Amino acid sequence: MDEKKELKVTDLKVEDIKTSAQAKGCQVQKALYYISGFLDGPMCGRCFPCALGSFEAKRRLENLAEGRGSEADIDALRRITGHMLEASMCKKGKDTARFIIDWMETDAYRAHVEGRCPEKECIALTRYVVIPDKCTNCNACKEACKHGAIFGEKRKAYLTGYLPFEIRQKRCVKCGDCLRACPEGAIEIVDIAVSETAKV
């Protein structure tokens, strides 16, 4: 049983991981998925620039995806991938470095440092909000939310002054159920940095 599991991991191919990574929209998520898959399988660990570089690159990418990223992380990624590209003993290590470098030429990494995920895929950098002008108080989002994160009152023809719908961020797990349930498109995913600035 253990041997079969080990075969499945070691049989992972760099090209397969790359194909799955490219299906993601966010460049940071692409790189993080790729480096995580590489560490789980194809990386042999025989040369230090690739082995140590891959682990450190993953840590830096996690910082960016989780809203803790800084310019120092971007600088470190440039340095790490440069070493991997030059000193890795095999093509797999060099290809991994190239994959990360390709996305670093865009502004996506810097956007994450600023607290924004352009593709709205990094959960730590986004929040779900109800747009009052679009909301018809139909209650569909509240019914869809399994976590009790949505508050508000369903519209009744004979009443006024009902409580508008809102998403309590501390309870929201960002599963997207409310987004799919809303018939009016009144729930949107916004950058945390942008929504915080709007409050000021």
Protein backbone atom coordinates (compact mmCIF):
# COMPACT_ATOMS: atom_id res chain seq x y z
CA MET A 1 0.00 0.00 0.00
CA ASP A 2 2.78 2.47 0.97
CA GLU A 3 4.75 1.57 -2.16
CA LYS A 4 1.75 2.34 -4.37
CA LYS A 5 1.29 5.73 -2.70
CA GLU A 6 4.98 6.49 -3.15
CA LEU A 7 4.79 5.62 -6.83
CA LYS A 8 1.90 8.02 -7.34
CA VAL A 9 3.90 10.90 -5.85
CA THR A 10 7.14 10.20 -7.67
CA ASP A 11 5.29 9.67 -10.95
CA LEU A 12 4.18 13.32 -10.95
CA LYS A 13 5.66 15.09 -13.94
CA VAL A 14 6.71 18.73 -14.13
CA GLU A 15 4.61 19.24 -17.27
CA ASP A 16 1.47 17.89 -15.55
CA ILE A 17 1.98 20.22 -12.60
CA LYS A 18 2.59 23.11 -14.99
CA THR A 19 -0.63 22.40 -16.89
CA SER A 20 -2.68 22.39 -13.66
CA ALA A 21 -0.94 25.52 -12.40
CA GLN A 22 -1.71 27.43 -15.58
CA ALA A 23 -5.43 26.81 -15.08
CA LYS A 24 -5.34 29.28 -12.19
CA GLY A 25 -5.86 32.96 -12.90
CA CYS A 26 -3.66 34.52 -10.21
CA GLN A 27 0.04 34.53 -11.07
CA VAL A 28 1.05 34.09 -7.43
CA GLN A 29 -1.32 31.13 -7.09
CA LYS A 30 0.08 29.64 -10.31
CA ALA A 31 3.63 29.82 -8.96
CA LEU A 32 2.63 28.57 -5.50
CA TYR A 33 0.72 25.61 -6.94
CA TYR A 34 3.63 24.77 -9.21
CA ILE A 35 6.33 24.96 -6.54
CA SER A 36 4.17 22.96 -4.08
CA GLY A 37 3.60 20.24 -6.68
CA PHE A 38 7.29 20.22 -7.55
CA LEU A 39 8.26 19.75 -3.89
CA ASP A 40 5.69 16.94 -3.47
CA GLY A 41 6.99 14.87 -6.36
CA PRO A 42 9.46 15.62 -9.15
CA MET A 43 12.11 17.36 -7.03
CA CYS A 44 14.89 14.86 -6.27
CA GLY A 45 16.65 16.97 -3.61
CA ARG A 46 20.14 16.11 -4.86
CA CYS A 47 21.38 19.65 -5.37
CA PHE A 48 21.14 22.42 -2.78
CA PRO A 49 20.24 25.35 -5.06
CA CYS A 50 17.09 23.55 -6.22
CA ALA A 51 16.11 21.84 -2.95
CA LEU A 52 16.68 24.76 -0.59
CA GLY A 53 15.61 27.30 -3.19
CA SER A 54 12.28 25.57 -3.79
CA PHE A 55 11.43 25.44 -0.08
CA GLU A 56 12.34 29.09 0.41
CA ALA A 57 10.49 30.16 -2.75
CA LYS A 58 7.35 28.41 -1.49
CA ARG A 59 7.59 30.28 1.82
CA ARG A 60 7.94 33.63 0.04
CA LEU A 61 5.01 32.89 -2.29
CA GLU A 62 2.86 31.92 0.70
CA ASN A 63 3.66 35.30 2.25
CA LEU A 64 2.40 37.04 -0.89
CA ALA A 65 -0.76 34.91 -1.15
CA GLU A 66 -1.62 35.33 2.53
CA GLY A 67 -1.24 39.11 2.68
CA ARG A 68 2.08 39.14 4.54
CA GLY A 69 4.20 39.80 1.46
CA SER A 70 6.75 42.58 1.11
CA GLU A 71 9.27 43.86 -1.42
CA ALA A 72 11.82 41.72 0.43
CA ASP A 73 9.89 38.61 -0.65
CA ILE A 74 9.97 39.68 -4.30
CA ASP A 75 13.70 40.44 -4.08
CA ALA A 76 14.30 37.06 -2.43
CA LEU A 77 12.33 35.28 -5.17
CA ARG A 78 14.44 36.98 -7.84
CA ARG A 79 17.62 35.92 -6.06
CA ILE A 80 16.44 32.35 -5.40
CA THR A 81 15.23 31.71 -8.94
CA GLY A 82 18.44 33.21 -10.34
CA HIS A 83 20.52 30.74 -8.30
CA MET A 84 18.23 27.85 -9.26
CA LEU A 85 18.43 28.72 -12.94
CA GLU A 86 22.21 28.91 -12.88
CA ALA A 87 23.18 26.16 -10.44
CA SER A 88 20.46 23.47 -10.55
CA MET A 89 21.92 20.22 -11.82
CA CYS A 90 18.88 19.09 -13.79
CA LYS A 91 16.33 20.55 -16.20
CA LYS A 92 13.49 20.17 -13.68
CA GLY A 93 15.04 22.66 -11.27
CA LYS A 94 15.81 25.13 -14.05
CA ASP A 95 12.28 24.82 -15.46
CA THR A 96 10.81 25.50 -12.03
CA ALA A 97 12.88 28.66 -11.72
CA ARG A 98 11.81 29.79 -15.21
CA PHE A 99 8.14 29.23 -14.40
CA ILE A 100 8.33 31.53 -11.36
CA ILE A 101 10.44 34.14 -13.20
CA ASP A 102 7.93 34.32 -16.07
CA TRP A 103 5.19 35.60 -13.75
CA MET A 104 7.50 37.98 -11.90
CA GLU A 105 7.74 40.14 -15.00
CA THR A 106 4.08 41.12 -14.53
CA ASP A 107 2.77 43.55 -11.86
CA ALA A 108 0.86 40.78 -10.07
CA TYR A 109 3.49 40.14 -7.39
CA ARG A 110 3.76 43.84 -6.55
CA ALA A 111 -0.05 44.08 -6.39
CA HIS A 112 -0.02 41.38 -3.71
CA VAL A 113 2.50 43.38 -1.70
CA GLU A 114 0.03 46.27 -1.89
CA GLY A 115 -2.71 43.99 -0.57
CA ARG A 116 -4.49 43.31 -3.87
CA CYS A 117 -5.04 40.12 -5.84
CA PRO A 118 -5.94 41.24 -9.39
CA GLU A 119 -7.70 37.92 -10.10
CA LYS A 120 -9.46 37.84 -6.68
CA GLU A 121 -8.18 34.30 -6.02
CA CYS A 122 -6.12 34.89 -2.88
CA ILE A 123 -8.64 34.49 -0.05
CA ALA A 124 -6.57 36.45 2.49
CA LEU A 125 -6.64 39.53 0.24
CA THR A 126 -10.34 39.57 -0.64
CA ARG A 127 -13.73 39.85 0.99
CA TYR A 128 -17.31 39.23 -0.08
CA VAL A 129 -19.64 42.24 0.21
CA VAL A 130 -23.28 43.00 -0.54
CA ILE A 131 -23.78 45.93 -2.92
CA PRO A 132 -26.82 47.77 -1.46
CA ASP A 133 -27.93 49.34 -4.76
CA LYS A 134 -28.24 45.89 -6.35
CA CYS A 135 -29.68 43.99 -3.39
CA THR A 136 -33.45 43.33 -3.49
CA ASN A 137 -33.56 41.75 0.01
CA CYS A 138 -34.74 38.43 -1.44
CA ASN A 139 -32.96 36.40 1.30
CA ALA A 140 -31.41 33.90 -1.18
CA CYS A 141 -27.86 34.61 0.03
CA LYS A 142 -28.78 34.19 3.69
CA GLU A 143 -30.46 30.87 2.97
CA ALA A 144 -27.39 29.68 1.04
CA CYS A 145 -24.89 30.61 3.76
CA LYS A 146 -24.12 27.59 5.96
CA HIS A 147 -21.94 29.63 8.31
CA GLY A 148 -24.44 32.24 9.50
CA ALA A 149 -22.32 35.05 8.09
CA ILE A 150 -25.15 36.98 6.41
CA PHE A 151 -27.46 39.27 8.32
CA GLY A 152 -30.52 41.09 7.02
CA GLU A 153 -34.28 40.87 6.65
CA LYS A 154 -36.27 39.63 3.69
CA ARG A 155 -38.34 42.33 2.00
CA LYS A 156 -42.05 42.24 2.80
CA ALA A 157 -44.53 44.24 0.78
CA TYR A 158 -46.29 45.70 3.79
CA LEU A 159 -43.19 46.71 5.78
CA THR A 160 -40.52 49.39 5.58
CA GLY A 161 -37.34 49.93 7.56
CA TYR A 162 -36.14 46.31 7.39
CA LEU A 163 -32.51 45.53 8.13
CA PRO A 164 -30.35 45.60 4.95
CA PHE A 165 -28.27 42.56 4.08
CA GLU A 166 -24.59 42.49 4.94
CA ILE A 167 -21.85 39.90 5.27
CA ARG A 168 -20.13 39.72 8.66
CA GLN A 169 -16.50 39.28 7.71
CA LYS A 170 -15.44 37.46 10.90
CA ARG A 171 -17.88 34.65 10.11
CA CYS A 172 -17.39 34.55 6.33
CA VAL A 173 -15.25 31.66 5.08
CA LYS A 174 -15.37 32.92 1.47
CA CYS A 175 -16.85 29.70 0.10
CA GLY A 176 -18.78 31.52 -2.64
CA ASP A 177 -22.19 29.95 -1.91
CA CYS A 178 -23.83 33.35 -1.48
CA LEU A 179 -22.26 34.64 -4.68
CA ARG A 180 -23.76 31.76 -6.66
CA ALA A 181 -27.15 32.05 -4.95
CA CYS A 182 -27.74 35.78 -5.52
CA PRO A 183 -30.04 36.28 -8.54
CA GLU A 184 -29.21 39.99 -8.83
CA GLY A 185 -25.41 39.83 -8.81
CA ALA A 186 -25.50 41.94 -5.63
CA ILE A 187 -22.58 40.13 -3.99
CA GLU A 188 -19.10 40.97 -5.20
CA ILE A 189 -15.56 39.99 -4.33
CA VAL A 190 -13.46 43.05 -3.55
CA ASP A 191 -9.88 43.66 -2.46
CA ILE A 192 -9.55 44.08 1.28
CA ALA A 193 -7.10 46.95 0.74
CA VAL A 194 -9.56 48.78 -1.51
CA SER A 195 -12.57 48.24 0.77
CA GLU A 196 -10.62 49.43 3.83
CA THR A 197 -9.56 52.58 1.96
CA ALA A 198 -13.18 53.25 0.97
CA LYS A 199 -14.20 53.26 4.65
CA VAL A 200 -11.71 56.02 5.56
